[in-house]
N, C-alpha and C. Protein backbone atom coordinates (compact mmCIF):
# COMPACT_ATOMS: atom_id res chain seq x y z
N MET A 1 26.34 -69.99 -16.67
CA MET A 1 27.42 -70.50 -15.84
C MET A 1 28.34 -69.35 -15.46
N SER A 2 28.82 -69.38 -14.25
CA SER A 2 29.69 -68.32 -13.76
C SER A 2 31.07 -68.41 -14.39
N VAL A 3 31.82 -67.33 -14.26
CA VAL A 3 33.19 -67.31 -14.77
C VAL A 3 34.02 -68.39 -14.09
N ALA A 4 33.82 -68.53 -12.77
CA ALA A 4 34.56 -69.56 -12.03
C ALA A 4 34.19 -70.95 -12.55
N GLY A 5 32.92 -71.14 -12.90
CA GLY A 5 32.47 -72.43 -13.43
C GLY A 5 33.13 -72.76 -14.76
N ILE A 6 33.54 -71.74 -15.50
CA ILE A 6 34.23 -71.96 -16.77
C ILE A 6 35.74 -72.06 -16.55
N ALA A 7 36.28 -71.20 -15.70
CA ALA A 7 37.73 -71.13 -15.50
C ALA A 7 38.28 -72.31 -14.72
N ILE A 8 37.52 -72.80 -13.73
CA ILE A 8 38.03 -73.87 -12.87
C ILE A 8 38.32 -75.15 -13.65
N PRO A 9 37.39 -75.65 -14.50
CA PRO A 9 37.73 -76.87 -15.25
C PRO A 9 38.94 -76.68 -16.18
N ILE A 10 39.07 -75.49 -16.75
CA ILE A 10 40.23 -75.21 -17.62
C ILE A 10 41.52 -75.30 -16.80
N LEU A 11 41.53 -74.67 -15.63
CA LEU A 11 42.73 -74.69 -14.79
C LEU A 11 43.01 -76.07 -14.20
N VAL A 12 41.96 -76.83 -13.86
CA VAL A 12 42.17 -78.19 -13.36
C VAL A 12 42.82 -79.04 -14.44
N ASP A 13 42.36 -78.89 -15.68
CA ASP A 13 42.95 -79.63 -16.79
C ASP A 13 44.41 -79.25 -16.99
N ILE A 14 44.70 -77.97 -16.95
CA ILE A 14 46.09 -77.50 -17.10
C ILE A 14 46.95 -78.04 -15.95
N ALA A 15 46.42 -77.97 -14.73
CA ALA A 15 47.17 -78.47 -13.58
C ALA A 15 47.45 -79.96 -13.70
N ALA A 16 46.48 -80.71 -14.19
CA ALA A 16 46.67 -82.17 -14.34
C ALA A 16 47.70 -82.48 -15.42
N ARG A 17 47.63 -81.76 -16.53
CA ARG A 17 48.54 -82.04 -17.65
C ARG A 17 49.97 -81.54 -17.42
N HIS A 18 50.13 -80.55 -16.55
CA HIS A 18 51.46 -79.94 -16.39
C HIS A 18 52.05 -80.17 -15.00
N GLY A 19 51.51 -81.12 -14.25
CA GLY A 19 52.09 -81.50 -12.97
C GLY A 19 52.04 -80.43 -11.91
N LEU A 20 50.86 -79.89 -11.66
CA LEU A 20 50.68 -78.87 -10.63
C LEU A 20 49.70 -79.43 -9.59
N PRO A 21 50.18 -80.27 -8.68
CA PRO A 21 49.27 -81.01 -7.79
C PRO A 21 48.50 -80.15 -6.80
N ARG A 22 49.10 -79.07 -6.30
CA ARG A 22 48.37 -78.25 -5.32
C ARG A 22 47.21 -77.52 -5.98
N LEU A 23 47.46 -76.93 -7.14
CA LEU A 23 46.37 -76.26 -7.86
C LEU A 23 45.27 -77.26 -8.22
N ARG A 24 45.68 -78.43 -8.67
CA ARG A 24 44.69 -79.43 -9.06
C ARG A 24 43.84 -79.86 -7.85
N ALA A 25 44.48 -80.04 -6.70
CA ALA A 25 43.74 -80.45 -5.51
C ALA A 25 42.78 -79.36 -5.04
N ILE A 26 43.25 -78.13 -5.02
CA ILE A 26 42.41 -77.03 -4.53
C ILE A 26 41.24 -76.79 -5.48
N LEU A 27 41.52 -76.67 -6.76
CA LEU A 27 40.46 -76.37 -7.71
C LEU A 27 39.60 -77.59 -8.03
N GLY A 28 40.18 -78.77 -7.91
CA GLY A 28 39.41 -80.00 -8.16
C GLY A 28 38.28 -80.18 -7.18
N GLN A 29 38.40 -79.60 -5.99
CA GLN A 29 37.33 -79.66 -4.99
C GLN A 29 36.12 -78.86 -5.44
N GLU A 30 36.32 -77.94 -6.35
CA GLU A 30 35.24 -77.04 -6.76
C GLU A 30 34.45 -77.55 -7.95
N LEU A 31 34.88 -78.65 -8.55
CA LEU A 31 34.12 -79.19 -9.67
C LEU A 31 32.83 -79.78 -9.15
N GLY A 32 31.74 -79.46 -9.77
CA GLY A 32 30.45 -79.97 -9.30
C GLY A 32 29.32 -79.34 -10.06
N ALA A 33 28.25 -79.12 -9.37
CA ALA A 33 27.04 -78.58 -10.00
C ALA A 33 27.28 -77.16 -10.51
N PRO A 34 26.73 -76.84 -11.67
CA PRO A 34 26.87 -75.48 -12.19
C PRO A 34 26.23 -74.47 -11.24
N GLY A 35 26.84 -73.33 -11.11
CA GLY A 35 26.29 -72.28 -10.29
C GLY A 35 26.60 -72.41 -8.81
N GLN A 36 27.41 -73.38 -8.44
CA GLN A 36 27.71 -73.53 -7.02
C GLN A 36 28.63 -72.40 -6.56
N VAL A 37 28.61 -72.14 -5.28
CA VAL A 37 29.44 -71.09 -4.71
C VAL A 37 30.88 -71.59 -4.65
N VAL A 38 31.80 -70.76 -5.08
CA VAL A 38 33.22 -71.11 -5.06
C VAL A 38 33.76 -70.76 -3.68
N SER A 39 34.55 -71.67 -3.11
CA SER A 39 35.10 -71.44 -1.78
C SER A 39 36.11 -70.30 -1.80
N ASP A 40 36.39 -69.77 -0.61
CA ASP A 40 37.37 -68.70 -0.49
C ASP A 40 38.74 -69.15 -0.96
N VAL A 41 39.07 -70.41 -0.69
CA VAL A 41 40.38 -70.94 -1.07
C VAL A 41 40.51 -70.95 -2.58
N ALA A 42 39.51 -71.48 -3.26
CA ALA A 42 39.56 -71.55 -4.72
C ALA A 42 39.51 -70.15 -5.34
N GLU A 43 38.73 -69.27 -4.74
CA GLU A 43 38.64 -67.91 -5.25
C GLU A 43 40.00 -67.20 -5.16
N SER A 44 40.71 -67.42 -4.06
CA SER A 44 42.03 -66.78 -3.92
C SER A 44 43.01 -67.35 -4.95
N VAL A 45 42.90 -68.64 -5.26
CA VAL A 45 43.77 -69.23 -6.28
C VAL A 45 43.43 -68.66 -7.65
N LEU A 46 42.13 -68.54 -7.96
CA LEU A 46 41.71 -67.96 -9.24
C LEU A 46 42.24 -66.52 -9.37
N LYS A 47 42.13 -65.74 -8.29
CA LYS A 47 42.61 -64.36 -8.32
C LYS A 47 44.13 -64.32 -8.52
N SER A 48 44.84 -65.24 -7.89
CA SER A 48 46.30 -65.28 -8.04
C SER A 48 46.70 -65.62 -9.48
N VAL A 49 46.02 -66.60 -10.06
CA VAL A 49 46.33 -66.98 -11.45
C VAL A 49 45.99 -65.82 -12.39
N ALA A 50 44.84 -65.19 -12.16
CA ALA A 50 44.44 -64.06 -13.00
C ALA A 50 45.44 -62.91 -12.88
N ALA A 51 45.87 -62.61 -11.66
CA ALA A 51 46.84 -61.54 -11.45
C ALA A 51 48.16 -61.87 -12.14
N GLU A 52 48.59 -63.11 -12.04
CA GLU A 52 49.85 -63.52 -12.67
C GLU A 52 49.74 -63.46 -14.20
N ALA A 53 48.52 -63.75 -14.72
CA ALA A 53 48.30 -63.68 -16.17
C ALA A 53 48.07 -62.25 -16.63
N GLY A 54 47.86 -61.32 -15.67
CA GLY A 54 47.67 -59.92 -16.02
C GLY A 54 46.28 -59.57 -16.51
N VAL A 55 45.28 -60.34 -16.08
CA VAL A 55 43.90 -60.08 -16.50
C VAL A 55 42.99 -60.17 -15.28
N PRO A 56 41.80 -59.55 -15.36
CA PRO A 56 40.83 -59.77 -14.28
C PRO A 56 40.29 -61.20 -14.33
N VAL A 57 39.73 -61.65 -13.23
CA VAL A 57 39.24 -63.04 -13.13
C VAL A 57 38.22 -63.34 -14.21
N ASP A 58 37.36 -62.38 -14.54
CA ASP A 58 36.31 -62.67 -15.53
C ASP A 58 36.85 -62.84 -16.94
N ARG A 59 38.10 -62.46 -17.20
CA ARG A 59 38.73 -62.64 -18.52
C ARG A 59 39.62 -63.88 -18.55
N LEU A 60 39.71 -64.59 -17.47
CA LEU A 60 40.60 -65.76 -17.39
C LEU A 60 40.32 -66.82 -18.46
N PRO A 61 39.07 -67.14 -18.77
CA PRO A 61 38.83 -68.15 -19.82
C PRO A 61 39.32 -67.74 -21.20
N ASN A 62 39.56 -66.44 -21.43
CA ASN A 62 39.99 -65.96 -22.75
C ASN A 62 41.50 -65.89 -22.90
N VAL A 63 42.23 -66.17 -21.83
CA VAL A 63 43.69 -66.10 -21.87
C VAL A 63 44.21 -67.32 -22.65
N PRO A 64 45.19 -67.11 -23.54
CA PRO A 64 45.77 -68.25 -24.28
C PRO A 64 46.35 -69.30 -23.32
N GLU A 65 46.28 -70.54 -23.74
CA GLU A 65 46.66 -71.65 -22.85
C GLU A 65 48.10 -71.54 -22.37
N GLN A 66 49.03 -71.18 -23.25
CA GLN A 66 50.43 -71.10 -22.83
C GLN A 66 50.63 -70.05 -21.74
N ASP A 67 49.86 -68.95 -21.80
CA ASP A 67 49.94 -67.94 -20.76
C ASP A 67 49.33 -68.45 -19.45
N LEU A 68 48.23 -69.21 -19.55
CA LEU A 68 47.63 -69.80 -18.35
C LEU A 68 48.58 -70.79 -17.70
N VAL A 69 49.25 -71.59 -18.52
CA VAL A 69 50.20 -72.57 -17.99
C VAL A 69 51.32 -71.85 -17.24
N ALA A 70 51.84 -70.78 -17.84
CA ALA A 70 52.92 -70.02 -17.20
C ALA A 70 52.44 -69.41 -15.88
N ALA A 71 51.25 -68.82 -15.90
CA ALA A 71 50.72 -68.21 -14.69
C ALA A 71 50.45 -69.25 -13.61
N ALA A 72 49.85 -70.36 -14.00
CA ALA A 72 49.54 -71.42 -13.03
C ALA A 72 50.81 -72.02 -12.44
N THR A 73 51.85 -72.16 -13.25
CA THR A 73 53.12 -72.70 -12.75
C THR A 73 53.73 -71.78 -11.70
N VAL A 74 53.66 -70.48 -11.93
CA VAL A 74 54.19 -69.52 -10.95
C VAL A 74 53.36 -69.58 -9.67
N VAL A 75 52.02 -69.61 -9.82
CA VAL A 75 51.13 -69.59 -8.66
C VAL A 75 51.27 -70.87 -7.84
N GLU A 76 51.55 -71.99 -8.48
CA GLU A 76 51.67 -73.29 -7.77
C GLU A 76 52.62 -73.21 -6.59
N ASP A 77 53.72 -72.48 -6.73
CA ASP A 77 54.74 -72.44 -5.67
C ASP A 77 54.65 -71.21 -4.78
N LYS A 78 53.62 -70.40 -4.93
CA LYS A 78 53.47 -69.22 -4.06
C LYS A 78 53.09 -69.67 -2.65
N PRO A 79 53.61 -68.98 -1.64
CA PRO A 79 53.31 -69.36 -0.25
C PRO A 79 51.82 -69.35 0.07
N GLU A 80 51.06 -68.41 -0.48
CA GLU A 80 49.64 -68.37 -0.15
C GLU A 80 48.88 -69.57 -0.73
N VAL A 81 49.36 -70.10 -1.86
CA VAL A 81 48.73 -71.30 -2.42
C VAL A 81 49.08 -72.51 -1.57
N ILE A 82 50.32 -72.57 -1.14
CA ILE A 82 50.71 -73.68 -0.26
C ILE A 82 49.92 -73.61 1.04
N GLU A 83 49.75 -72.40 1.57
CA GLU A 83 48.94 -72.22 2.77
C GLU A 83 47.49 -72.62 2.53
N ALA A 84 46.95 -72.26 1.37
CA ALA A 84 45.57 -72.64 1.03
C ALA A 84 45.44 -74.15 0.91
N TYR A 85 46.46 -74.78 0.35
CA TYR A 85 46.45 -76.24 0.22
C TYR A 85 46.46 -76.90 1.60
N VAL A 86 47.28 -76.38 2.48
CA VAL A 86 47.33 -76.92 3.85
C VAL A 86 45.99 -76.70 4.55
N LYS A 87 45.39 -75.53 4.35
CA LYS A 87 44.07 -75.25 4.92
C LYS A 87 43.04 -76.25 4.40
N LEU A 88 43.10 -76.54 3.12
CA LEU A 88 42.20 -77.52 2.52
C LEU A 88 42.39 -78.90 3.14
N GLN A 89 43.64 -79.28 3.36
CA GLN A 89 43.92 -80.58 3.98
C GLN A 89 43.40 -80.63 5.42
N HIS A 90 43.57 -79.54 6.16
CA HIS A 90 43.05 -79.49 7.54
C HIS A 90 41.54 -79.63 7.55
N GLU A 91 40.87 -78.97 6.63
CA GLU A 91 39.41 -79.06 6.55
C GLU A 91 38.97 -80.48 6.19
N THR A 92 39.68 -81.10 5.27
CA THR A 92 39.38 -82.49 4.91
C THR A 92 39.55 -83.40 6.12
N ASN A 93 40.64 -83.22 6.85
CA ASN A 93 40.87 -84.03 8.05
C ASN A 93 39.77 -83.81 9.09
N ARG A 94 39.37 -82.56 9.26
CA ARG A 94 38.31 -82.25 10.22
C ARG A 94 37.01 -82.94 9.83
N LEU A 95 36.67 -82.91 8.55
CA LEU A 95 35.44 -83.55 8.10
C LEU A 95 35.50 -85.06 8.25
N LEU A 96 36.66 -85.65 8.00
CA LEU A 96 36.80 -87.10 8.15
C LEU A 96 36.74 -87.53 9.62
N LEU A 97 37.20 -86.68 10.52
CA LEU A 97 37.19 -87.01 11.94
C LEU A 97 35.87 -86.68 12.62
N ALA A 98 35.02 -85.91 11.97
CA ALA A 98 33.76 -85.48 12.59
C ALA A 98 32.91 -86.63 13.09
N PRO A 99 32.72 -87.72 12.33
CA PRO A 99 31.90 -88.81 12.87
C PRO A 99 32.50 -89.45 14.12
N LEU A 100 33.82 -89.48 14.19
CA LEU A 100 34.47 -90.08 15.35
C LEU A 100 34.28 -89.23 16.60
N GLU A 101 34.26 -87.91 16.40
CA GLU A 101 34.17 -86.99 17.53
C GLU A 101 32.74 -86.61 17.89
N ALA A 102 31.78 -87.10 17.13
CA ALA A 102 30.38 -86.72 17.35
C ALA A 102 29.79 -87.39 18.59
N GLY A 103 30.43 -88.41 19.10
CA GLY A 103 29.94 -89.08 20.28
C GLY A 103 28.83 -90.09 19.99
N LYS A 104 28.64 -90.41 18.73
CA LYS A 104 27.62 -91.38 18.37
C LYS A 104 28.19 -92.79 18.53
N PRO A 105 27.31 -93.81 18.57
CA PRO A 105 27.82 -95.17 18.69
C PRO A 105 28.75 -95.54 17.53
N THR A 106 29.68 -96.41 17.80
CA THR A 106 30.70 -96.79 16.81
C THR A 106 30.09 -97.36 15.54
N TRP A 107 29.02 -98.15 15.66
CA TRP A 107 28.46 -98.80 14.48
C TRP A 107 27.96 -97.80 13.45
N THR A 108 27.62 -96.55 13.86
CA THR A 108 27.06 -95.58 12.92
C THR A 108 28.07 -95.14 11.86
N TRP A 109 29.34 -95.30 12.14
CA TRP A 109 30.35 -94.96 11.14
C TRP A 109 31.25 -96.14 10.80
N ALA A 110 31.40 -97.09 11.69
CA ALA A 110 32.35 -98.19 11.47
C ALA A 110 31.88 -99.19 10.43
N TRP A 111 30.55 -99.27 10.19
CA TRP A 111 30.08 -100.25 9.21
C TRP A 111 30.62 -99.97 7.82
N LEU A 112 30.88 -98.69 7.52
CA LEU A 112 31.42 -98.36 6.20
C LEU A 112 32.80 -98.99 5.99
N ALA A 113 33.67 -98.77 6.94
CA ALA A 113 35.03 -99.32 6.83
C ALA A 113 35.02 -100.84 6.91
N ALA A 114 34.18 -101.39 7.78
CA ALA A 114 34.13 -102.85 7.92
C ALA A 114 33.69 -103.50 6.61
N TRP A 115 32.67 -102.95 5.98
CA TRP A 115 32.21 -103.51 4.71
C TRP A 115 33.24 -103.31 3.61
N GLN A 116 33.92 -102.18 3.61
CA GLN A 116 34.96 -101.98 2.60
C GLN A 116 36.04 -103.05 2.71
N TRP A 117 36.50 -103.30 3.91
CA TRP A 117 37.54 -104.31 4.11
C TRP A 117 37.00 -105.71 3.80
N PHE A 118 35.78 -105.98 4.20
CA PHE A 118 35.17 -107.28 3.92
C PHE A 118 35.08 -107.52 2.41
N LEU A 119 34.59 -106.54 1.67
CA LEU A 119 34.47 -106.69 0.22
C LEU A 119 35.84 -106.78 -0.45
N MET A 120 36.78 -105.99 0.04
CA MET A 120 38.13 -106.07 -0.51
C MET A 120 38.71 -107.47 -0.28
N GLY A 121 38.47 -108.01 0.89
CA GLY A 121 38.94 -109.37 1.19
C GLY A 121 38.27 -110.41 0.31
N LEU A 122 36.96 -110.26 0.08
CA LEU A 122 36.27 -111.21 -0.79
C LEU A 122 36.81 -111.17 -2.22
N TRP A 123 37.02 -109.97 -2.73
CA TRP A 123 37.56 -109.86 -4.08
C TRP A 123 38.99 -110.42 -4.15
N ALA A 124 39.80 -110.16 -3.14
CA ALA A 124 41.17 -110.70 -3.12
C ALA A 124 41.13 -112.23 -3.02
N TYR A 125 40.24 -112.74 -2.19
CA TYR A 125 40.08 -114.19 -2.07
C TYR A 125 39.70 -114.80 -3.42
N THR A 126 38.77 -114.16 -4.10
CA THR A 126 38.26 -114.69 -5.37
C THR A 126 39.30 -114.62 -6.48
N TRP A 127 39.99 -113.50 -6.60
CA TRP A 127 40.87 -113.31 -7.74
C TRP A 127 42.34 -113.62 -7.48
N VAL A 128 42.75 -113.68 -6.20
CA VAL A 128 44.16 -113.91 -5.91
C VAL A 128 44.37 -115.20 -5.11
N LEU A 129 43.77 -115.28 -3.93
CA LEU A 129 44.07 -116.38 -3.03
C LEU A 129 43.64 -117.75 -3.59
N VAL A 130 42.42 -117.89 -4.05
CA VAL A 130 41.94 -119.18 -4.57
C VAL A 130 42.76 -119.64 -5.77
N PRO A 131 43.01 -118.79 -6.77
CA PRO A 131 43.83 -119.26 -7.89
C PRO A 131 45.25 -119.66 -7.49
N VAL A 132 45.85 -118.92 -6.56
CA VAL A 132 47.21 -119.26 -6.12
C VAL A 132 47.20 -120.59 -5.37
N LEU A 133 46.23 -120.78 -4.46
CA LEU A 133 46.13 -122.05 -3.74
C LEU A 133 45.84 -123.21 -4.68
N ASN A 134 44.94 -123.01 -5.62
CA ASN A 134 44.62 -124.07 -6.58
C ASN A 134 45.83 -124.44 -7.42
N ALA A 135 46.61 -123.45 -7.82
CA ALA A 135 47.79 -123.73 -8.64
C ALA A 135 48.90 -124.36 -7.83
N SER A 136 49.13 -123.89 -6.63
CA SER A 136 50.27 -124.39 -5.86
C SER A 136 49.97 -125.72 -5.17
N LEU A 137 48.74 -125.97 -4.76
CA LEU A 137 48.40 -127.21 -4.05
C LEU A 137 47.69 -128.23 -4.95
N ARG A 138 47.50 -127.85 -6.18
CA ARG A 138 46.74 -128.69 -7.12
C ARG A 138 45.37 -129.04 -6.52
N ALA A 139 44.80 -128.06 -5.87
CA ALA A 139 43.50 -128.25 -5.23
C ALA A 139 42.41 -127.77 -6.19
N ALA A 140 41.18 -128.00 -5.80
CA ALA A 140 40.04 -127.57 -6.61
C ALA A 140 39.09 -126.75 -5.74
N ILE A 141 39.64 -125.74 -5.08
CA ILE A 141 38.82 -124.88 -4.23
C ILE A 141 37.91 -124.06 -5.16
N PRO A 142 36.61 -124.11 -4.95
CA PRO A 142 35.73 -123.33 -5.84
C PRO A 142 35.78 -121.84 -5.48
N THR A 143 35.69 -121.03 -6.50
CA THR A 143 35.65 -119.58 -6.27
C THR A 143 34.20 -119.14 -6.11
N PRO A 144 33.98 -118.09 -5.36
CA PRO A 144 32.62 -117.56 -5.25
C PRO A 144 32.11 -117.12 -6.61
N ASN A 145 30.81 -117.14 -6.77
CA ASN A 145 30.19 -116.70 -8.00
C ASN A 145 30.43 -115.20 -8.17
N ILE A 146 31.03 -114.81 -9.28
CA ILE A 146 31.39 -113.41 -9.51
C ILE A 146 30.14 -112.53 -9.55
N SER A 147 29.05 -113.02 -10.12
CA SER A 147 27.84 -112.18 -10.19
C SER A 147 27.28 -111.94 -8.79
N ASP A 148 27.37 -112.93 -7.90
CA ASP A 148 26.92 -112.72 -6.52
C ASP A 148 27.81 -111.69 -5.81
N LEU A 149 29.10 -111.81 -6.04
CA LEU A 149 30.04 -110.87 -5.43
C LEU A 149 29.82 -109.45 -5.97
N ALA A 150 29.57 -109.35 -7.26
CA ALA A 150 29.29 -108.03 -7.86
C ALA A 150 27.99 -107.46 -7.31
N ASN A 151 26.97 -108.28 -7.16
CA ASN A 151 25.69 -107.81 -6.61
C ASN A 151 25.86 -107.35 -5.16
N LEU A 152 26.63 -108.07 -4.38
CA LEU A 152 26.89 -107.68 -3.00
C LEU A 152 27.63 -106.34 -2.95
N THR A 153 28.61 -106.20 -3.82
CA THR A 153 29.36 -104.94 -3.89
C THR A 153 28.45 -103.79 -4.31
N LEU A 154 27.60 -104.03 -5.30
CA LEU A 154 26.67 -102.99 -5.74
C LEU A 154 25.67 -102.63 -4.65
N ALA A 155 25.21 -103.62 -3.88
CA ALA A 155 24.29 -103.33 -2.78
C ALA A 155 24.97 -102.45 -1.74
N TYR A 156 26.22 -102.76 -1.42
CA TYR A 156 26.97 -101.91 -0.48
C TYR A 156 27.10 -100.50 -1.02
N MET A 157 27.47 -100.38 -2.30
CA MET A 157 27.64 -99.05 -2.89
C MET A 157 26.33 -98.27 -2.88
N ALA A 158 25.21 -98.95 -3.13
CA ALA A 158 23.92 -98.26 -3.10
C ALA A 158 23.60 -97.76 -1.70
N LEU A 159 23.88 -98.57 -0.70
CA LEU A 159 23.64 -98.13 0.68
C LEU A 159 24.59 -97.02 1.09
N HIS A 160 25.84 -97.18 0.75
CA HIS A 160 26.85 -96.19 1.14
C HIS A 160 26.65 -94.88 0.40
N MET A 161 26.48 -94.95 -0.89
CA MET A 161 26.39 -93.73 -1.69
C MET A 161 24.96 -93.19 -1.78
N GLY A 162 23.97 -94.04 -1.63
CA GLY A 162 22.60 -93.61 -1.77
C GLY A 162 21.82 -93.59 -0.47
N GLY A 163 22.45 -93.99 0.62
CA GLY A 163 21.77 -94.06 1.90
C GLY A 163 21.21 -92.73 2.37
N HIS A 164 21.97 -91.66 2.15
CA HIS A 164 21.48 -90.35 2.57
C HIS A 164 20.31 -89.90 1.72
N THR A 165 20.28 -90.33 0.47
CA THR A 165 19.15 -89.99 -0.39
C THR A 165 17.88 -90.61 0.16
N VAL A 166 17.96 -91.88 0.53
CA VAL A 166 16.80 -92.57 1.11
C VAL A 166 16.44 -91.93 2.44
N LYS A 167 17.44 -91.63 3.26
CA LYS A 167 17.19 -91.01 4.56
C LYS A 167 16.53 -89.64 4.40
N ASP A 168 17.02 -88.85 3.46
CA ASP A 168 16.43 -87.53 3.21
C ASP A 168 15.00 -87.65 2.70
N PHE A 169 14.77 -88.61 1.80
CA PHE A 169 13.42 -88.83 1.29
C PHE A 169 12.47 -89.21 2.42
N ALA A 170 12.93 -90.12 3.29
CA ALA A 170 12.08 -90.56 4.40
C ALA A 170 11.80 -89.41 5.36
N ALA A 171 12.81 -88.57 5.61
CA ALA A 171 12.63 -87.43 6.53
C ALA A 171 11.63 -86.44 5.94
N LYS A 172 11.68 -86.21 4.63
CA LYS A 172 10.73 -85.29 4.01
C LYS A 172 9.33 -85.89 3.95
N ARG A 173 9.28 -87.19 3.69
CA ARG A 173 7.98 -87.85 3.50
C ARG A 173 7.27 -88.07 4.85
N TRP A 174 7.98 -88.57 5.83
CA TRP A 174 7.36 -88.95 7.10
C TRP A 174 7.82 -88.09 8.28
N GLY A 175 8.64 -87.12 8.02
CA GLY A 175 9.09 -86.23 9.08
C GLY A 175 10.31 -86.74 9.80
N GLN A 176 11.00 -85.85 10.49
CA GLN A 176 12.21 -86.19 11.24
C GLN A 176 11.85 -87.02 12.46
N ARG A 177 12.54 -88.11 12.67
CA ARG A 177 12.27 -88.97 13.83
C ARG A 177 13.49 -89.14 14.66
């Protein structure tokens, strides 16, 4: 595992425990598979923390925690970290807007949001609206079966989170169409 792979989780934990939201947001983006490439933004933050702690980046995991906390607290309010955080937010916004600007039909991206709202409404209906109506009107409105609602939610999650896996498998197996 790379030095960044060891240092980033340590710094994310410190940022979370000591109220350093910009560092946590920037470095939290880098948590993932071991050996992944660290972004320029995260690398600049690591270098800033290491410089503030007075050690090279590769010695960062060996720095005592209280020194890391002090260094991270100073780096949190540095202009370059704030600029990096803003850059990260711009990139996130760009990625979220990409499907809208791609010129593809609306249904290719809108089904995600529509299903999210539909499922949220079903869960609210089941756990909030029906019990309130039954209590206030002395009615006996039946609630949907929770296992059916859970299965529907799980099916959506499988399609939403696993859809690209199936699509990639199909593209490799039968070729791009």
